[in-house]
């Protein structure tokens, strides 16, 4: 706190535009791919927002686990990342693969939900 007010490090929650004018999608569903070092059993999927878990182990290297799935917002992403942290999984990469269609998008196109 500075002078009785909390200093915001990364801006306000409502600041949803980056410098290029593109909208950040913190509050919308998206498809994510997360890579961690080590072997993570598929049985952890339910604890990790039902993400699909695959493990790849290149010759003479440590295994890399990839989690892929749909998350409802950034809070859900943080839940998965916090769970991986609590499990001691070193994070290698987090990618947002794209937005998921919303019910509003389907309604605009006249498609059933």
N, C-alpha and C. Protein backbone atom coordinates (compact mmCIF):
# COMPACT_ATOMS: atom_id res chain seq x y z
N UNK A 1 0.83 -1.18 0.00
CA UNK A 1 0.00 0.00 0.00
C UNK A 1 0.88 1.24 0.00
N UNK A 2 0.49 2.19 -0.79
CA UNK A 2 1.20 3.45 -0.86
C UNK A 2 0.24 4.57 -0.52
N UNK A 3 0.52 5.31 0.53
CA UNK A 3 -0.33 6.44 0.90
C UNK A 3 -1.77 6.03 1.18
N UNK A 4 -1.96 4.84 1.77
CA UNK A 4 -3.30 4.39 2.11
C UNK A 4 -4.05 3.75 0.95
N UNK A 5 -3.44 3.72 -0.25
CA UNK A 5 -4.09 3.09 -1.39
C UNK A 5 -3.25 1.92 -1.88
N UNK A 6 -3.92 0.91 -2.40
CA UNK A 6 -3.21 -0.23 -2.95
C UNK A 6 -2.73 0.11 -4.35
N UNK A 7 -1.46 -0.13 -4.60
CA UNK A 7 -0.91 0.11 -5.93
C UNK A 7 -1.18 -1.12 -6.79
N UNK A 8 -1.74 -0.90 -7.97
CA UNK A 8 -2.02 -2.00 -8.89
C UNK A 8 -0.80 -2.21 -9.78
N UNK A 9 -0.25 -3.40 -9.72
CA UNK A 9 0.95 -3.70 -10.47
C UNK A 9 0.66 -3.89 -11.96
N UNK A 10 -0.37 -4.65 -12.28
CA UNK A 10 -0.66 -4.99 -13.68
C UNK A 10 -1.90 -4.30 -14.22
N UNK A 11 -2.37 -3.28 -13.58
CA UNK A 11 -3.56 -2.58 -14.06
C UNK A 11 -4.80 -3.11 -13.38
N UNK A 12 -5.91 -2.51 -13.70
CA UNK A 12 -7.16 -2.92 -13.07
C UNK A 12 -7.75 -4.11 -13.78
N UNK A 13 -8.66 -4.78 -13.09
CA UNK A 13 -9.34 -5.94 -13.67
C UNK A 13 -10.11 -5.55 -14.92
N UNK A 14 -10.56 -4.30 -14.99
CA UNK A 14 -11.35 -3.85 -16.12
C UNK A 14 -10.49 -3.43 -17.32
N UNK A 15 -9.17 -3.33 -17.13
CA UNK A 15 -8.30 -2.95 -18.24
C UNK A 15 -8.10 -4.16 -19.13
N UNK A 16 -8.85 -4.21 -20.23
CA UNK A 16 -8.85 -5.40 -21.07
C UNK A 16 -8.29 -5.15 -22.46
N UNK A 17 -7.53 -4.09 -22.64
CA UNK A 17 -6.94 -3.81 -23.94
C UNK A 17 -5.43 -3.78 -23.78
N UNK A 18 -4.72 -4.41 -24.72
CA UNK A 18 -3.27 -4.30 -24.67
C UNK A 18 -2.84 -3.10 -25.50
N UNK A 19 -1.55 -2.85 -25.60
CA UNK A 19 -1.07 -1.66 -26.30
C UNK A 19 -1.39 -1.68 -27.78
N UNK A 20 -1.57 -2.86 -28.36
CA UNK A 20 -1.91 -2.97 -29.78
C UNK A 20 -3.39 -2.77 -30.04
N UNK A 21 -4.18 -2.54 -28.99
CA UNK A 21 -5.60 -2.33 -29.14
C UNK A 21 -6.41 -3.60 -29.19
N UNK A 22 -5.76 -4.76 -29.02
CA UNK A 22 -6.48 -6.03 -29.01
C UNK A 22 -7.03 -6.28 -27.62
N UNK A 23 -8.20 -6.88 -27.56
CA UNK A 23 -8.87 -7.14 -26.29
C UNK A 23 -8.29 -8.39 -25.64
N UNK A 24 -7.93 -8.27 -24.36
CA UNK A 24 -7.55 -9.44 -23.58
C UNK A 24 -8.82 -10.20 -23.24
N UNK A 25 -8.73 -11.49 -23.12
CA UNK A 25 -9.92 -12.32 -22.93
C UNK A 25 -9.90 -13.01 -21.57
N UNK A 26 -9.73 -12.24 -20.50
CA UNK A 26 -9.61 -12.80 -19.17
C UNK A 26 -10.90 -13.43 -18.67
N UNK A 27 -12.03 -12.91 -19.11
CA UNK A 27 -13.30 -13.34 -18.56
C UNK A 27 -14.07 -14.27 -19.48
N UNK A 28 -13.46 -14.71 -20.58
CA UNK A 28 -14.13 -15.56 -21.54
C UNK A 28 -13.53 -16.96 -21.55
N UNK A 29 -14.33 -17.95 -21.94
CA UNK A 29 -13.79 -19.32 -22.02
C UNK A 29 -12.74 -19.43 -23.12
N UNK A 30 -11.80 -20.32 -22.92
CA UNK A 30 -10.75 -20.52 -23.92
C UNK A 30 -10.19 -21.92 -23.84
N UNK A 31 -9.50 -22.31 -24.89
CA UNK A 31 -8.82 -23.61 -24.94
C UNK A 31 -7.34 -23.35 -24.62
N UNK A 32 -6.80 -24.15 -23.71
CA UNK A 32 -5.43 -23.96 -23.24
C UNK A 32 -4.61 -25.24 -23.40
N UNK A 33 -3.30 -25.05 -23.57
CA UNK A 33 -2.34 -26.15 -23.54
C UNK A 33 -1.26 -25.77 -22.53
N UNK A 34 -1.04 -26.65 -21.56
CA UNK A 34 -0.07 -26.40 -20.50
C UNK A 34 0.94 -27.55 -20.52
N UNK A 35 2.21 -27.22 -20.49
CA UNK A 35 3.26 -28.25 -20.45
C UNK A 35 4.02 -28.13 -19.14
N UNK A 36 4.21 -29.30 -18.51
CA UNK A 36 4.99 -29.38 -17.28
C UNK A 36 6.03 -30.47 -17.41
N UNK A 37 7.10 -30.32 -16.66
CA UNK A 37 8.15 -31.33 -16.66
C UNK A 37 7.74 -32.47 -15.74
N UNK A 38 7.98 -33.69 -16.19
CA UNK A 38 7.68 -34.85 -15.37
C UNK A 38 6.48 -35.62 -15.89
N UNK A 39 6.20 -36.74 -15.23
CA UNK A 39 5.11 -37.63 -15.63
C UNK A 39 3.93 -37.41 -14.69
N UNK A 40 2.80 -37.04 -15.27
CA UNK A 40 1.58 -36.82 -14.50
C UNK A 40 0.54 -37.82 -15.00
N UNK A 41 0.02 -38.63 -14.11
CA UNK A 41 -0.96 -39.65 -14.47
C UNK A 41 -2.26 -39.03 -14.96
N UNK A 42 -2.91 -39.69 -15.90
CA UNK A 42 -4.20 -39.25 -16.43
C UNK A 42 -5.27 -39.23 -15.34
N UNK A 43 -5.04 -39.93 -14.25
CA UNK A 43 -6.01 -39.96 -13.15
C UNK A 43 -6.17 -38.60 -12.48
N UNK A 44 -5.24 -37.67 -12.73
CA UNK A 44 -5.32 -36.33 -12.15
C UNK A 44 -6.25 -35.41 -12.95
N UNK A 45 -6.76 -35.87 -14.06
CA UNK A 45 -7.57 -35.03 -14.93
C UNK A 45 -8.75 -34.38 -14.22
N UNK A 46 -9.45 -35.12 -13.38
CA UNK A 46 -10.63 -34.55 -12.72
C UNK A 46 -10.25 -33.42 -11.76
N UNK A 47 -9.08 -33.50 -11.16
CA UNK A 47 -8.63 -32.42 -10.27
C UNK A 47 -8.16 -31.19 -11.06
N UNK A 48 -7.86 -31.42 -12.33
CA UNK A 48 -7.32 -30.35 -13.17
C UNK A 48 -8.33 -29.94 -14.24
N UNK A 49 -9.56 -29.68 -13.82
CA UNK A 49 -10.64 -29.19 -14.70
C UNK A 49 -10.89 -30.08 -15.91
N UNK A 50 -10.72 -31.38 -15.71
CA UNK A 50 -10.97 -32.38 -16.77
C UNK A 50 -10.14 -32.15 -18.02
N UNK A 51 -8.95 -31.59 -17.84
CA UNK A 51 -8.06 -31.42 -18.98
C UNK A 51 -7.54 -32.78 -19.42
N UNK A 52 -7.29 -32.93 -20.73
CA UNK A 52 -6.75 -34.17 -21.28
C UNK A 52 -5.25 -34.18 -20.99
N UNK A 53 -4.78 -35.28 -20.41
CA UNK A 53 -3.37 -35.38 -20.01
C UNK A 53 -2.67 -36.39 -20.89
N UNK A 54 -1.59 -35.95 -21.53
CA UNK A 54 -0.75 -36.85 -22.32
C UNK A 54 0.70 -36.67 -21.88
N UNK A 55 1.45 -37.77 -21.94
CA UNK A 55 2.85 -37.73 -21.52
C UNK A 55 3.72 -38.18 -22.68
N UNK A 56 4.78 -37.43 -22.91
CA UNK A 56 5.74 -37.75 -23.96
C UNK A 56 7.12 -37.81 -23.31
N UNK A 57 7.87 -38.86 -23.65
CA UNK A 57 9.22 -38.97 -23.10
C UNK A 57 10.21 -39.21 -24.23
N UNK A 58 10.85 -38.13 -24.69
CA UNK A 58 11.89 -38.28 -25.71
C UNK A 58 13.05 -39.13 -25.17
N UNK A 59 13.74 -39.80 -26.06
CA UNK A 59 14.88 -40.65 -25.66
C UNK A 59 15.89 -39.84 -24.85
N UNK A 60 16.33 -40.42 -23.76
CA UNK A 60 17.36 -39.83 -22.89
C UNK A 60 16.98 -38.47 -22.31
N UNK A 61 15.67 -38.18 -22.19
CA UNK A 61 15.23 -36.92 -21.60
C UNK A 61 14.12 -37.20 -20.60
N UNK A 62 13.88 -36.22 -19.75
CA UNK A 62 12.80 -36.35 -18.79
C UNK A 62 11.46 -36.26 -19.50
N UNK A 63 10.44 -36.92 -18.96
CA UNK A 63 9.12 -36.85 -19.58
C UNK A 63 8.53 -35.43 -19.49
N UNK A 64 7.67 -35.11 -20.45
CA UNK A 64 6.93 -33.85 -20.46
C UNK A 64 5.45 -34.20 -20.55
N UNK A 65 4.69 -33.65 -19.61
CA UNK A 65 3.25 -33.86 -19.59
C UNK A 65 2.57 -32.65 -20.20
N UNK A 66 1.61 -32.91 -21.09
CA UNK A 66 0.83 -31.85 -21.73
C UNK A 66 -0.61 -31.98 -21.29
N UNK A 67 -1.17 -30.87 -20.82
CA UNK A 67 -2.58 -30.81 -20.44
C UNK A 67 -3.27 -29.90 -21.46
N UNK A 68 -4.34 -30.39 -22.06
CA UNK A 68 -5.08 -29.62 -23.05
C UNK A 68 -6.55 -29.64 -22.69
N UNK A 69 -7.19 -28.49 -22.74
CA UNK A 69 -8.61 -28.48 -22.45
C UNK A 69 -9.20 -27.09 -22.43
N UNK A 70 -10.50 -27.09 -22.20
CA UNK A 70 -11.28 -25.85 -22.20
C UNK A 70 -11.46 -25.37 -20.76
N UNK A 71 -11.18 -24.09 -20.54
CA UNK A 71 -11.35 -23.48 -19.23
C UNK A 71 -12.27 -22.28 -19.35
N UNK A 72 -13.11 -22.08 -18.34
CA UNK A 72 -14.17 -21.07 -18.45
C UNK A 72 -13.68 -19.64 -18.35
N UNK A 73 -12.52 -19.41 -17.69
CA UNK A 73 -11.98 -18.06 -17.57
C UNK A 73 -10.59 -18.15 -16.98
N UNK A 74 -9.99 -16.99 -16.73
CA UNK A 74 -8.63 -16.97 -16.20
C UNK A 74 -8.57 -17.50 -14.78
N UNK A 75 -9.65 -17.36 -14.02
CA UNK A 75 -9.68 -17.90 -12.66
C UNK A 75 -9.56 -19.43 -12.70
N UNK A 76 -10.22 -20.06 -13.65
CA UNK A 76 -10.12 -21.52 -13.80
C UNK A 76 -8.70 -21.91 -14.20
N UNK A 77 -8.08 -21.11 -15.08
CA UNK A 77 -6.69 -21.36 -15.45
C UNK A 77 -5.78 -21.27 -14.22
N UNK A 78 -5.99 -20.25 -13.40
CA UNK A 78 -5.18 -20.11 -12.19
C UNK A 78 -5.39 -21.30 -11.25
N UNK A 79 -6.61 -21.82 -11.19
CA UNK A 79 -6.88 -22.99 -10.37
C UNK A 79 -6.05 -24.18 -10.82
N UNK A 80 -5.97 -24.40 -12.13
CA UNK A 80 -5.16 -25.50 -12.66
C UNK A 80 -3.68 -25.25 -12.38
N UNK A 81 -3.22 -24.03 -12.64
CA UNK A 81 -1.80 -23.71 -12.40
C UNK A 81 -1.43 -23.85 -10.93
N UNK A 82 -2.32 -23.42 -10.03
CA UNK A 82 -2.05 -23.57 -8.60
C UNK A 82 -2.00 -25.04 -8.19
N UNK A 83 -2.88 -25.85 -8.75
CA UNK A 83 -2.86 -27.29 -8.44
C UNK A 83 -1.56 -27.92 -8.91
N UNK A 84 -1.11 -27.55 -10.11
CA UNK A 84 0.17 -28.07 -10.62
C UNK A 84 1.33 -27.63 -9.73
N UNK A 85 1.29 -26.40 -9.27
CA UNK A 85 2.32 -25.89 -8.36
C UNK A 85 2.31 -26.69 -7.06
N UNK A 86 1.11 -26.90 -6.51
CA UNK A 86 1.00 -27.66 -5.26
C UNK A 86 1.51 -29.09 -5.42
N UNK A 87 1.41 -29.64 -6.63
CA UNK A 87 1.87 -31.00 -6.90
C UNK A 87 3.37 -31.04 -7.20
N UNK A 88 4.00 -29.87 -7.27
CA UNK A 88 5.44 -29.80 -7.52
C UNK A 88 5.82 -29.99 -8.97
N UNK A 89 4.92 -29.68 -9.90
CA UNK A 89 5.20 -29.85 -11.33
C UNK A 89 5.84 -28.57 -11.89
N UNK A 90 7.09 -28.66 -12.34
CA UNK A 90 7.72 -27.47 -12.94
C UNK A 90 7.02 -27.08 -14.24
N UNK A 91 6.58 -25.85 -14.32
CA UNK A 91 5.85 -25.33 -15.46
C UNK A 91 6.82 -25.02 -16.59
N UNK A 92 6.52 -25.52 -17.80
CA UNK A 92 7.37 -25.26 -18.96
C UNK A 92 6.74 -24.24 -19.90
N UNK A 93 5.41 -24.33 -20.10
CA UNK A 93 4.77 -23.46 -21.07
C UNK A 93 3.26 -23.44 -20.85
N UNK A 94 2.66 -22.27 -21.05
CA UNK A 94 1.20 -22.12 -21.03
C UNK A 94 0.82 -21.39 -22.31
N UNK A 95 -0.12 -21.98 -23.06
CA UNK A 95 -0.57 -21.38 -24.32
C UNK A 95 -2.08 -21.26 -24.32
N UNK A 96 -2.57 -20.13 -24.76
CA UNK A 96 -4.01 -19.98 -25.01
C UNK A 96 -4.19 -20.25 -26.49
N UNK A 97 -4.89 -21.35 -26.81
CA UNK A 97 -5.02 -21.79 -28.19
C UNK A 97 -6.13 -21.07 -28.94
N UNK A 98 -7.04 -20.48 -28.20
CA UNK A 98 -8.11 -19.74 -28.85
C UNK A 98 -9.34 -19.65 -27.97
N UNK A 99 -10.27 -18.83 -28.41
CA UNK A 99 -11.52 -18.65 -27.68
C UNK A 99 -12.47 -19.78 -28.01
N UNK A 100 -13.37 -20.04 -27.09
CA UNK A 100 -14.44 -21.01 -27.32
C UNK A 100 -15.69 -20.24 -27.71
N UNK A 101 -16.50 -20.81 -28.57
CA UNK A 101 -17.75 -20.13 -28.91
C UNK A 101 -18.65 -20.06 -27.68
N UNK A 102 -19.31 -18.94 -27.50
CA UNK A 102 -20.22 -18.77 -26.38
C UNK A 102 -21.65 -18.98 -26.86
N UNK A 103 -22.59 -19.08 -25.94
CA UNK A 103 -24.00 -19.21 -26.29
C UNK A 103 -24.45 -18.00 -27.10
N UNK A 104 -23.91 -16.83 -26.76
CA UNK A 104 -24.25 -15.60 -27.49
C UNK A 104 -23.79 -15.69 -28.95
N UNK A 105 -22.59 -16.28 -29.19
CA UNK A 105 -22.11 -16.44 -30.56
C UNK A 105 -23.04 -17.35 -31.35
N UNK A 106 -23.48 -18.44 -30.74
CA UNK A 106 -24.38 -19.37 -31.41
C UNK A 106 -25.71 -18.71 -31.73
N UNK A 107 -26.23 -17.92 -30.80
CA UNK A 107 -27.51 -17.25 -31.01
C UNK A 107 -27.42 -16.26 -32.17
N UNK A 108 -26.29 -15.57 -32.31
CA UNK A 108 -26.12 -14.63 -33.42
C UNK A 108 -26.15 -15.33 -34.75
N UNK A 109 -25.65 -16.57 -34.80
CA UNK A 109 -25.62 -17.31 -36.06
C UNK A 109 -26.89 -18.13 -36.25
N UNK A 110 -27.79 -18.11 -35.25
CA UNK A 110 -29.02 -18.86 -35.37
C UNK A 110 -28.86 -20.35 -35.14
N UNK A 111 -27.76 -20.75 -34.48
CA UNK A 111 -27.50 -22.16 -34.23
C UNK A 111 -28.06 -22.53 -32.86
N UNK A 112 -28.49 -23.78 -32.71
CA UNK A 112 -28.93 -24.22 -31.37
C UNK A 112 -27.74 -24.29 -30.42
N UNK A 113 -28.01 -24.10 -29.15
CA UNK A 113 -26.95 -24.13 -28.14
C UNK A 113 -26.70 -25.57 -27.74
